[in-house]
Amino acid sequence: MSGEHDAWTAEAVDRTANTLNQLSASTQQIANCLGFLTVRFSDYRKKPKGEGIAFLNSLGFDRHAIAAILDTTPGAVSVRLSQLKASKKRKESSATED
């Protein structure tokens, strides 16, 4: 009986894991669509990509999702995010020096 129960439990765990993976993928697709619509139909469509990158990053999108939404590469997104981070650090350090 125990072996049968263990097999059933393992199968249930596998099915649950597959369902969660599918939900996670669907959730990511929905989030990408919302990010795309937000950028395309807002003032961000008129602004440089760098501002869209910062905006989407603040919403929690990763560099791959941002790249897909803005039709650029993840590398370009990473570079811009690094520039923004460095700029923020410079501003914070100059503010503390004053």
PDB file of N, CA and C in Angstrom:
ATOM      1  N   MET A   1       0.825  -1.194   0.000  1.00  0.00           N
ATOM      2  CA  MET A   1       0.000   0.000   0.000  1.00  0.00           C
ATOM      3  C   MET A   1       0.871   1.260   0.000  1.00  0.00           C
ATOM      4  N   SER A   2       1.948   1.252   0.755  1.00  0.00           N
ATOM      5  CA  SER A   2       2.804   2.421   0.855  1.00  0.00           C
ATOM      6  C   SER A   2       3.436   2.776  -0.485  1.00  0.00           C
ATOM      7  N   GLY A   3       3.881   1.758  -1.241  1.00  0.00           N
ATOM      8  CA  GLY A   3       4.486   2.007  -2.550  1.00  0.00           C
ATOM      9  C   GLY A   3       3.490   2.625  -3.518  1.00  0.00           C
ATOM     10  N   GLU A   4       2.248   2.154  -3.462  1.00  0.00           N
ATOM     11  CA  GLU A   4       1.201   2.701  -4.327  1.00  0.00           C
ATOM     12  C   GLU A   4       0.910   4.151  -3.950  1.00  0.00           C
ATOM     13  N   HIS A   5       0.866   4.405  -2.647  1.00  0.00           N
ATOM     14  CA  HIS A   5       0.621   5.767  -2.162  1.00  0.00           C
ATOM     15  C   HIS A   5       1.765   6.700  -2.570  1.00  0.00           C
ATOM     16  N   ASP A   6       3.008   6.236  -2.455  1.00  0.00           N
ATOM     17  CA  ASP A   6       4.174   7.043  -2.840  1.00  0.00           C
ATOM     18  C   ASP A   6       4.141   7.378  -4.328  1.00  0.00           C
ATOM     19  N   ALA A   7       3.755   6.399  -5.166  1.00  0.00           N
ATOM     20  CA  ALA A   7       3.675   6.636  -6.604  1.00  0.00           C
ATOM     21  C   ALA A   7       2.594   7.664  -6.905  1.00  0.00           C
ATOM     22  N   TRP A   8       1.455   7.536  -6.228  1.00  0.00           N
ATOM     23  CA  TRP A   8       0.374   8.493  -6.436  1.00  0.00           C
ATOM     24  C   TRP A   8       0.807   9.890  -6.001  1.00  0.00           C
ATOM     25  N   THR A   9       1.481   9.981  -4.860  1.00  0.00           N
ATOM     26  CA  THR A   9       1.956  11.262  -4.346  1.00  0.00           C
ATOM     27  C   THR A   9       2.974  11.888  -5.299  1.00  0.00           C
ATOM     28  N   ALA A  10       3.897  11.095  -5.816  1.00  0.00           N
ATOM     29  CA  ALA A  10       4.899  11.607  -6.753  1.00  0.00           C
ATOM     30  C   ALA A  10       4.223  12.117  -8.028  1.00  0.00           C
ATOM     31  N   GLU A  11       3.220  11.386  -8.504  1.00  0.00           N
ATOM     32  CA  GLU A  11       2.492  11.815  -9.706  1.00  0.00           C
ATOM     33  C   GLU A  11       1.742  13.120  -9.440  1.00  0.00           C
ATOM     34  N   ALA A  12       1.136  13.227  -8.271  1.00  0.00           N
ATOM     35  CA  ALA A  12       0.408  14.448  -7.914  1.00  0.00           C
ATOM     36  C   ALA A  12       1.360  15.640  -7.809  1.00  0.00           C
ATOM     37  N   VAL A  13       2.528  15.411  -7.245  1.00  0.00           N
ATOM     38  CA  VAL A  13       3.528  16.472  -7.134  1.00  0.00           C
ATOM     39  C   VAL A  13       3.992  16.904  -8.528  1.00  0.00           C
ATOM     40  N   ASP A  14       4.227  15.948  -9.418  1.00  0.00           N
ATOM     41  CA  ASP A  14       4.639  16.275 -10.786  1.00  0.00           C
ATOM     42  C   ASP A  14       3.562  17.085 -11.507  1.00  0.00           C
ATOM     43  N   ARG A  15       2.304  16.658 -11.382  1.00  0.00           N
ATOM     44  CA  ARG A  15       1.211  17.389 -12.028  1.00  0.00           C
ATOM     45  C   ARG A  15       1.089  18.800 -11.468  1.00  0.00           C
ATOM     46  N   THR A  16       1.232  18.932 -10.160  1.00  0.00           N
ATOM     47  CA  THR A  16       1.163  20.249  -9.534  1.00  0.00           C
ATOM     48  C   THR A  16       2.307  21.137 -10.010  1.00  0.00           C
ATOM     49  N   ALA A  17       3.500  20.590 -10.090  1.00  0.00           N
ATOM     50  CA  ALA A  17       4.661  21.355 -10.563  1.00  0.00           C
ATOM     51  C   ALA A  17       4.453  21.797 -12.005  1.00  0.00           C
ATOM     52  N   ASN A  18       3.941  20.921 -12.851  1.00  0.00           N
ATOM     53  CA  ASN A  18       3.675  21.283 -14.251  1.00  0.00           C
ATOM     54  C   ASN A  18       2.627  22.389 -14.342  1.00  0.00           C
ATOM     55  N   THR A  19       1.583  22.282 -13.549  1.00  0.00           N
ATOM     56  CA  THR A  19       0.536  23.304 -13.543  1.00  0.00           C
ATOM     57  C   THR A  19       1.094  24.650 -13.108  1.00  0.00           C
ATOM     58  N   LEU A  20       1.920  24.643 -12.053  1.00  0.00           N
ATOM     59  CA  LEU A  20       2.526  25.894 -11.581  1.00  0.00           C
ATOM     60  C   LEU A  20       3.456  26.495 -12.624  1.00  0.00           C
ATOM     61  N   ASN A  21       4.208  25.672 -13.329  1.00  0.00           N
ATOM     62  CA  ASN A  21       5.082  26.172 -14.389  1.00  0.00           C
ATOM     63  C   ASN A  21       4.270  26.811 -15.506  1.00  0.00           C
ATOM     64  N   GLN A  22       3.157  26.182 -15.873  1.00  0.00           N
ATOM     65  CA  GLN A  22       2.302  26.737 -16.919  1.00  0.00           C
ATOM     66  C   GLN A  22       1.688  28.059 -16.466  1.00  0.00           C
ATOM     67  N   LEU A  23       1.247  28.126 -15.214  1.00  0.00           N
ATOM     68  CA  LEU A  23       0.688  29.366 -14.689  1.00  0.00           C
ATOM     69  C   LEU A  23       1.740  30.467 -14.652  1.00  0.00           C
ATOM     70  N   SER A  24       2.954  30.108 -14.259  1.00  0.00           N
ATOM     71  CA  SER A  24       4.036  31.087 -14.211  1.00  0.00           C
ATOM     72  C   SER A  24       4.331  31.642 -15.598  1.00  0.00           C
ATOM     73  N   ALA A  25       4.372  30.771 -16.597  1.00  0.00           N
ATOM     74  CA  ALA A  25       4.619  31.209 -17.975  1.00  0.00           C
ATOM     75  C   ALA A  25       3.478  32.100 -18.452  1.00  0.00           C
ATOM     76  N   SER A  26       2.247  31.731 -18.135  1.00  0.00           N
ATOM     77  CA  SER A  26       1.095  32.537 -18.532  1.00  0.00           C
ATOM     78  C   SER A  26       1.115  33.894 -17.849  1.00  0.00           C
ATOM     79  N   THR A  27       1.459  33.896 -16.577  1.00  0.00           N
ATOM     80  CA  THR A  27       1.544  35.151 -15.836  1.00  0.00           C
ATOM     81  C   THR A  27       2.607  36.059 -16.438  1.00  0.00           C
ATOM     82  N   GLN A  28       3.745  35.493 -16.826  1.00  0.00           N
ATOM     83  CA  GLN A  28       4.803  36.284 -17.436  1.00  0.00           C
ATOM     84  C   GLN A  28       4.350  36.852 -18.777  1.00  0.00           C
ATOM     85  N   GLN A  29       3.617  36.076 -19.552  1.00  0.00           N
ATOM     86  CA  GLN A  29       3.107  36.561 -20.836  1.00  0.00           C
ATOM     87  C   GLN A  29       2.126  37.710 -20.631  1.00  0.00           C
ATOM     88  N   ILE A  30       1.268  37.580 -19.642  1.00  0.00           N
ATOM     89  CA  ILE A  30       0.314  38.654 -19.342  1.00  0.00           C
ATOM     90  C   ILE A  30       1.063  39.909 -18.904  1.00  0.00           C
ATOM     91  N   ALA A  31       2.047  39.736 -18.049  1.00  0.00           N
ATOM     92  CA  ALA A  31       2.834  40.882 -17.583  1.00  0.00           C
ATOM     93  C   ALA A  31       3.550  41.559 -18.746  1.00  0.00           C
ATOM     94  N   ASN A  32       4.107  40.774 -19.665  1.00  0.00           N
ATOM     95  CA  ASN A  32       4.772  41.350 -20.834  1.00  0.00           C
ATOM     96  C   ASN A  32       3.786  42.137 -21.687  1.00  0.00           C
ATOM     97  N   CYS A  33       2.594  41.594 -21.870  1.00  0.00           N
ATOM     98  CA  CYS A  33       1.571  42.293 -22.652  1.00  0.00           C
ATOM     99  C   CYS A  33       1.187  43.613 -21.992  1.00  0.00           C
ATOM    100  N   LEU A  34       1.006  43.583 -20.675  1.00  0.00           N
ATOM    101  CA  LEU A  34       0.653  44.808 -19.961  1.00  0.00           C
ATOM    102  C   LEU A  34       1.770  45.841 -20.048  1.00  0.00           C
ATOM    103  N   GLY A  35       3.010  45.387 -19.909  1.00  0.00           N
ATOM    104  CA  GLY A  35       4.141  46.309 -20.045  1.00  0.00           C
ATOM    105  C   GLY A  35       4.208  46.903 -21.427  1.00  0.00           C
ATOM    106  N   PHE A  36       4.009  46.071 -22.440  1.00  0.00           N
ATOM    107  CA  PHE A  36       4.016  46.528 -23.826  1.00  0.00           C
ATOM    108  C   PHE A  36       2.929  47.578 -24.041  1.00  0.00           C
ATOM    109  N   LEU A  37       1.717  47.286 -23.596  1.00  0.00           N
ATOM    110  CA  LEU A  37       0.607  48.225 -23.773  1.00  0.00           C
ATOM    111  C   LEU A  37       0.839  49.518 -23.011  1.00  0.00           C
ATOM    112  N   THR A  38       1.393  49.406 -21.822  1.00  0.00           N
ATOM    113  CA  THR A  38       1.676  50.596 -21.017  1.00  0.00           C
ATOM    114  C   THR A  38       2.647  51.517 -21.733  1.00  0.00           C
ATOM    115  N   VAL A  39       3.695  50.938 -22.284  1.00  0.00           N
ATOM    116  CA  VAL A  39       4.700  51.756 -22.965  1.00  0.00           C
ATOM    117  C   VAL A  39       4.174  52.290 -24.293  1.00  0.00           C
ATOM    118  N   ARG A  40       3.519  51.446 -25.063  1.00  0.00           N
ATOM    119  CA  ARG A  40       3.052  51.844 -26.387  1.00  0.00           C
ATOM    120  C   ARG A  40       1.966  52.904 -26.356  1.00  0.00           C
ATOM    121  N   PHE A  41       1.115  52.860 -25.341  1.00  0.00           N
ATOM    122  CA  PHE A  41      -0.022  53.767 -25.310  1.00  0.00           C
ATOM    123  C   PHE A  41       0.065  54.786 -24.180  1.00  0.00           C
ATOM    124  N   SER A  42       1.266  55.176 -23.873  1.00  0.00           N
ATOM    125  CA  SER A  42       1.481  56.197 -22.854  1.00  0.00           C
ATOM    126  C   SER A  42       2.483  57.207 -23.392  1.00  0.00           C
ATOM    127  N   ASP A  43       2.853  58.127 -22.552  1.00  0.00           N
ATOM    128  CA  ASP A  43       3.841  59.130 -22.948  1.00  0.00           C
ATOM    129  C   ASP A  43       5.210  58.515 -23.189  1.00  0.00           C
ATOM    130  N   TYR A  44       5.428  57.287 -22.724  1.00  0.00           N
ATOM    131  CA  TYR A  44       6.726  56.654 -22.899  1.00  0.00           C
ATOM    132  C   TYR A  44       7.016  56.327 -24.353  1.00  0.00           C
ATOM    133  N   ARG A  45       6.015  56.241 -25.192  1.00  0.00           N
ATOM    134  CA  ARG A  45       6.266  55.958 -26.607  1.00  0.00           C
ATOM    135  C   ARG A  45       6.944  57.137 -27.296  1.00  0.00           C
ATOM    136  N   LYS A  46       6.807  58.342 -26.718  1.00  0.00           N
ATOM    137  CA  LYS A  46       7.408  59.544 -27.289  1.00  0.00           C
ATOM    138  C   LYS A  46       8.794  59.827 -26.712  1.00  0.00           C
ATOM    139  N   LYS A  47       9.144  59.108 -25.670  1.00  0.00           N
ATOM    140  CA  LYS A  47      10.409  59.361 -24.976  1.00  0.00           C
ATOM    141  C   LYS A  47      11.474  58.392 -25.456  1.00  0.00           C
ATOM    142  N   PRO A  48      12.734  58.691 -25.155  1.00  0.00           N
ATOM    143  CA  PRO A  48      13.815  57.764 -25.526  1.00  0.00           C
ATOM    144  C   PRO A  48      13.631  56.403 -24.852  1.00  0.00           C
ATOM    145  N   LYS A  49      14.196  55.374 -25.492  1.00  0.00           N
ATOM    146  CA  LYS A  49      14.081  54.017 -24.948  1.00  0.00           C
ATOM    147  C   LYS A  49      14.604  53.923 -23.525  1.00  0.00           C
ATOM    148  N   GLY A  50      15.610  54.725 -23.210  1.00  0.00           N
ATOM    149  CA  GLY A  50      16.199  54.679 -21.873  1.00  0.00           C
ATOM    150  C   GLY A  50      15.179  54.946 -20.780  1.00  0.00           C
ATOM    151  N   GLU A  51      14.246  55.843 -21.034  1.00  0.00           N
ATOM    152  CA  GLU A  51      13.216  56.137 -20.038  1.00  0.00           C
ATOM    153  C   GLU A  51      12.223  54.988 -19.939  1.00  0.00           C
ATOM    154  N   GLY A  52      11.923  54.357 -21.055  1.00  0.00           N
ATOM    155  CA  GLY A  52      11.056  53.179 -21.034  1.00  0.00           C
ATOM    156  C   GLY A  52      11.706  52.038 -20.280  1.00  0.00           C
ATOM    157  N   ILE A  53      13.012  51.903 -20.459  1.00  0.00           N
ATOM    158  CA  ILE A  53      13.756  50.855 -19.744  1.00  0.00           C
ATOM    159  C   ILE A  53      13.673  51.094 -18.246  1.00  0.00           C
ATOM    160  N   ALA A  54      13.908  52.317 -17.827  1.00  0.00           N
ATOM    161  CA  ALA A  54      13.852  52.642 -16.399  1.00  0.00           C
ATOM    162  C   ALA A  54      12.444  52.407 -15.851  1.00  0.00           C
ATOM    163  N   PHE A  55      11.436  52.810 -16.621  1.00  0.00           N
ATOM    164  CA  PHE A  55      10.053  52.643 -16.193  1.00  0.00           C
ATOM    165  C   PHE A  55       9.696  51.171 -16.028  1.00  0.00           C
ATOM    166  N   LEU A  56       9.991  50.369 -17.031  1.00  0.00           N
ATOM    167  CA  LEU A  56       9.662  48.941 -16.966  1.00  0.00           C
ATOM    168  C   LEU A  56      10.458  48.236 -15.875  1.00  0.00           C
ATOM    169  N   ASN A  57      11.712  48.644 -15.680  1.00  0.00           N
ATOM    170  CA  ASN A  57      12.511  48.073 -14.602  1.00  0.00           C
ATOM    171  C   ASN A  57      11.896  48.391 -13.248  1.00  0.00           C
ATOM    172  N   SER A  58      11.379  49.598 -13.097  1.00  0.00           N
ATOM    173  CA  SER A  58      10.751  49.973 -11.823  1.00  0.00           C
ATOM    174  C   SER A  58       9.484  49.165 -11.558  1.00  0.00           C
ATOM    175  N   LEU A  59       8.877  48.638 -12.629  1.00  0.00           N
ATOM    176  CA  LEU A  59       7.696  47.792 -12.475  1.00  0.00           C
ATOM    177  C   LEU A  59       8.070  46.342 -12.191  1.00  0.00           C
ATOM    178  N   GLY A  60       9.377  46.031 -12.244  1.00  0.00           N
ATOM    179  CA  GLY A  60       9.828  44.694 -11.906  1.00  0.00           C
ATOM    180  C   GLY A  60      10.113  43.785 -13.088  1.00  0.00           C
ATOM    181  N   PHE A  61      10.083  44.314 -14.300  1.00  0.00           N
ATOM    182  CA  PHE A  61      10.394  43.498 -15.465  1.00  0.00           C
ATOM    183  C   PHE A  61      11.885  43.226 -15.520  1.00  0.00           C
ATOM    184  N   ASP A  62      12.264  42.028 -15.956  1.00  0.00           N
ATOM    185  CA  ASP A  62      13.677  41.713 -16.111  1.00  0.00           C
ATOM    186  C   ASP A  62      14.159  42.198 -17.481  1.00  0.00           C
ATOM    187  N   ARG A  63      15.462  42.122 -17.696  1.00  0.00           N
ATOM    188  CA  ARG A  63      16.038  42.689 -18.921  1.00  0.00           C
ATOM    189  C   ARG A  63      15.546  41.997 -20.187  1.00  0.00           C
ATOM    190  N   HIS A  64      15.239  40.715 -20.102  1.00  0.00           N
ATOM    191  CA  HIS A  64      14.736  39.995 -21.276  1.00  0.00           C
ATOM    192  C   HIS A  64      13.332  40.469 -21.637  1.00  0.00           C
ATOM    193  N   ALA A  65      12.481  40.652 -20.638  1.00  0.00           N
ATOM    194  CA  ALA A  65      11.121  41.133 -20.889  1.00  0.00           C
ATOM    195  C   ALA A  65      11.145  42.561 -21.405  1.00  0.00           C
ATOM    196  N   ILE A  66      11.993  43.404 -20.817  1.00  0.00           N
ATOM    197  CA  ILE A  66      12.101  44.793 -21.260  1.00  0.00           C
ATOM    198  C   ILE A  66      12.558  44.839 -22.715  1.00  0.00           C
ATOM    199  N   ALA A  67      13.531  44.027 -23.048  1.00  0.00           N
ATOM    200  CA  ALA A  67      14.036  43.980 -24.424  1.00  0.00           C
ATOM    201  C   ALA A  67      12.934  43.570 -25.393  1.00  0.00           C
ATOM    202  N   ALA A  68      12.141  42.592 -25.017  1.00  0.00           N
ATOM    203  CA  ALA A  68      11.050  42.144 -25.890  1.00  0.00           C
ATOM    204  C   ALA A  68      10.003  43.234 -26.064  1.00  0.00           C
ATOM    205  N   ILE A  69       9.681  43.925 -24.997  1.00  0.00           N
ATOM    206  CA  ILE A  69       8.660  44.976 -25.049  1.00  0.00           C
ATOM    207  C   ILE A  69       9.131  46.147 -25.896  1.00  0.00           C
ATOM    208  N   LEU A  70      10.397  46.537 -25.734  1.00  0.00           N
ATOM    209  CA  LEU A  70      10.919  47.721 -26.423  1.00  0.00           C
ATOM    210  C   LEU A  70      11.614  47.398 -27.745  1.00  0.00           C
ATOM    211  N   ASP A  71      11.588  46.141 -28.136  1.00  0.00           N
ATOM    212  CA  ASP A  71      12.192  45.705 -29.396  1.00  0.00           C
ATOM    213  C   ASP A  71      13.674  46.080 -29.464  1.00  0.00           C
ATOM    214  N   THR A  72      14.396  45.643 -28.442  1.00  0.00           N
ATOM    215  CA  THR A  72      15.837  45.845 -28.386  1.00  0.00           C
ATOM    216  C   THR A  72      16.460  44.562 -27.841  1.00  0.00           C
ATOM    217  N   THR A  73      17.724  44.602 -27.474  1.00  0.00           N
ATOM    218  CA  THR A  73      18.393  43.400 -26.980  1.00  0.00           C
ATOM    219  C   THR A  73      18.532  43.456 -25.460  1.00  0.00           C
ATOM    220  N   PRO A  74      18.596  42.291 -24.819  1.00  0.00           N
ATOM    221  CA  PRO A  74      18.820  42.277 -23.373  1.00  0.00           C
ATOM    222  C   PRO A  74      20.145  42.948 -22.991  1.00  0.00           C
ATOM    223  N   GLY A  75      21.140  42.837 -23.850  1.00  0.00           N
ATOM    224  CA  GLY A  75      22.424  43.487 -23.587  1.00  0.00           C
ATOM    225  C   GLY A  75      22.303  44.998 -23.555  1.00  0.00           C
ATOM    226  N   ALA A  76      21.545  45.548 -24.491  1.00  0.00           N
ATOM    227  CA  ALA A  76      21.331  47.001 -24.521  1.00  0.00           C
ATOM    228  C   ALA A  76      20.585  47.458 -23.271  1.00  0.00           C
ATOM    229  N   VAL A  77      19.638  46.654 -22.833  1.00  0.00           N
ATOM    230  CA  VAL A  77      18.899  46.972 -21.613  1.00  0.00           C
ATOM    231  C   VAL A  77      19.842  46.941 -20.416  1.00  0.00           C
ATOM    232  N   SER A  78      20.701  45.936 -20.346  1.00  0.00           N
ATOM    233  CA  SER A  78      21.654  45.831 -19.233  1.00  0.00           C
ATOM    234  C   SER A  78      22.584  47.029 -19.185  1.00  0.00           C
ATOM    235  N   VAL A  79      23.063  47.444 -20.353  1.00  0.00           N
ATOM    236  CA  VAL A  79      23.959  48.606 -20.405  1.00  0.00           C
ATOM    237  C   VAL A  79      23.248  49.846 -19.885  1.00  0.00           C
ATOM    238  N   ARG A  80      22.026  50.062 -20.344  1.00  0.00           N
ATOM    239  CA  ARG A  80      21.279  51.255 -19.918  1.00  0.00           C
ATOM    240  C   ARG A  80      20.982  51.210 -18.421  1.00  0.00           C
ATOM    241  N   LEU A  81      20.625  50.036 -17.910  1.00  0.00           N
ATOM    242  CA  LEU A  81      20.359  49.921 -16.477  1.00  0.00           C
ATOM    243  C   LEU A  81      21.621  50.190 -15.659  1.00  0.00           C
ATOM    244  N   SER A  82      22.764  49.736 -16.153  1.00  0.00           N
ATOM    245  CA  SER A  82      24.039  50.016 -15.470  1.00  0.00           C
ATOM    246  C   SER A  82      24.332  51.507 -15.478  1.00  0.00           C
ATOM    247  N   GLN A  83      24.077  52.152 -16.597  1.00  0.00           N
ATOM    248  CA  GLN A  83      24.290  53.606 -16.688  1.00  0.00           C
ATOM    249  C   GLN A  83      23.387  54.349 -15.708  1.00  0.00           C
ATOM    250  N   LEU A  84      22.142  53.931 -15.644  1.00  0.00           N
ATOM    251  CA  LEU A  84      21.198  54.572 -14.728  1.00  0.00           C
ATOM    252  C   LEU A  84      21.621  54.381 -13.269  1.00  0.00           C
ATOM    253  N   LYS A  85      22.092  53.176 -12.953  1.00  0.00           N
ATOM    254  CA  LYS A  85      22.544  52.882 -11.594  1.00  0.00           C
ATOM    255  C   LYS A  85      23.765  53.735 -11.233  1.00  0.00           C
ATOM    256  N   ALA A  86      24.713  53.843 -12.161  1.00  0.00           N
ATOM    257  CA  ALA A  86      25.917  54.650 -11.918  1.00  0.00           C
ATOM    258  C   ALA A  86      25.545  56.117 -11.753  1.00  0.00           C
ATOM    259  N   SER A  87      24.631  56.600 -12.570  1.00  0.00           N
ATOM    260  CA  SER A  87      24.193  57.984 -12.479  1.00  0.00           C
ATOM    261  C   SER A  87      23.526  58.256 -11.136  1.00  0.00           C
ATOM    262  N   LYS A  88      22.713  57.319 -10.684  1.00  0.00           N
ATOM    263  CA  LYS A  88      22.036  57.459  -9.395  1.00  0.00           C
ATOM    264  C   LYS A  88      23.049  57.503  -8.258  1.00  0.00           C
ATOM    265  N   LYS A  89      24.082  56.639  -8.341  1.00  0.00           N
ATOM    266  CA  LYS A  89      25.120  56.632  -7.307  1.00  0.00           C
ATOM    267  C   LYS A  89      25.861  57.966  -7.275  1.00  0.00           C
ATOM    268  N   ARG A  90      26.174  58.498  -8.467  1.00  0.00           N
ATOM    269  CA  ARG A  90      26.867  59.797  -8.528  1.00  0.00           C
ATOM    270  C   ARG A  90      26.016  60.896  -7.901  1.00  0.00           C
ATOM    271  N   LYS A  91      24.733  60.906  -8.201  1.00  0.00           N
ATOM    272  CA  LYS A  91      23.854  61.921  -7.642  1.00  0.00           C
ATOM    273  C   LYS A  91      23.760  61.803  -6.131  1.00  0.00           C
ATOM    274  N   GLU A  92      23.665  60.554  -5.638  1.00  0.00           N
ATOM    275  CA  GLU A  92      23.569  60.342  -4.197  1.00  0.00           C
ATOM    276  C   GLU A  92      24.854  60.757  -3.494  1.00  0.00           C
ATOM    277  N   SER A  93      26.003  60.444  -4.099  1.00  0.00           N
ATOM    278  CA  SER A  93      27.271  60.815  -3.448  1.00  0.00           C
ATOM    279  C   SER A  93      27.486  62.326  -3.484  1.00  0.00           C
ATOM    280  N   SER A  94      27.071  62.983  -4.544  1.00  0.00           N
ATOM    281  CA  SER A  94      27.237  64.448  -4.582  1.00  0.00           C
ATOM    282  C   SER A  94      26.259  65.120  -3.621  1.00  0.00           C
ATOM    283  N   ALA A  95      25.098  64.515  -3.406  1.00  0.00           N
ATOM    284  CA  ALA A  95      24.126  65.077  -2.460  1.00  0.00           C
ATOM    285  C   ALA A  95      24.627  64.962  -1.025  1.00  0.00           C
ATOM    286  N   THR A  96      25.323  63.867  -0.714  1.00  0.00           N
ATOM    287  CA  THR A  96      25.824  63.693   0.643  1.00  0.00           C
ATOM    288  C   THR A  96      27.043  64.559   0.913  1.00  0.00           C
ATOM    289  N   GLU A  97      27.760  64.951  -0.140  1.00  0.00           N
ATOM    290  CA  GLU A  97      28.928  65.812   0.022  1.00  0.00           C
ATOM    291  C   GLU A  97      28.536  67.246   0.296  1.00  0.00           C
ATOM    292  N   ASP A  98      27.358  67.643  -0.162  1.00  0.00           N
ATOM    293  CA  ASP A  98      26.918  69.054   0.025  1.00  0.00           C
ATOM    294  C   ASP A  98      26.477  69.345   1.411  1.00  0.00           C
TER     295      ASP A  98
END
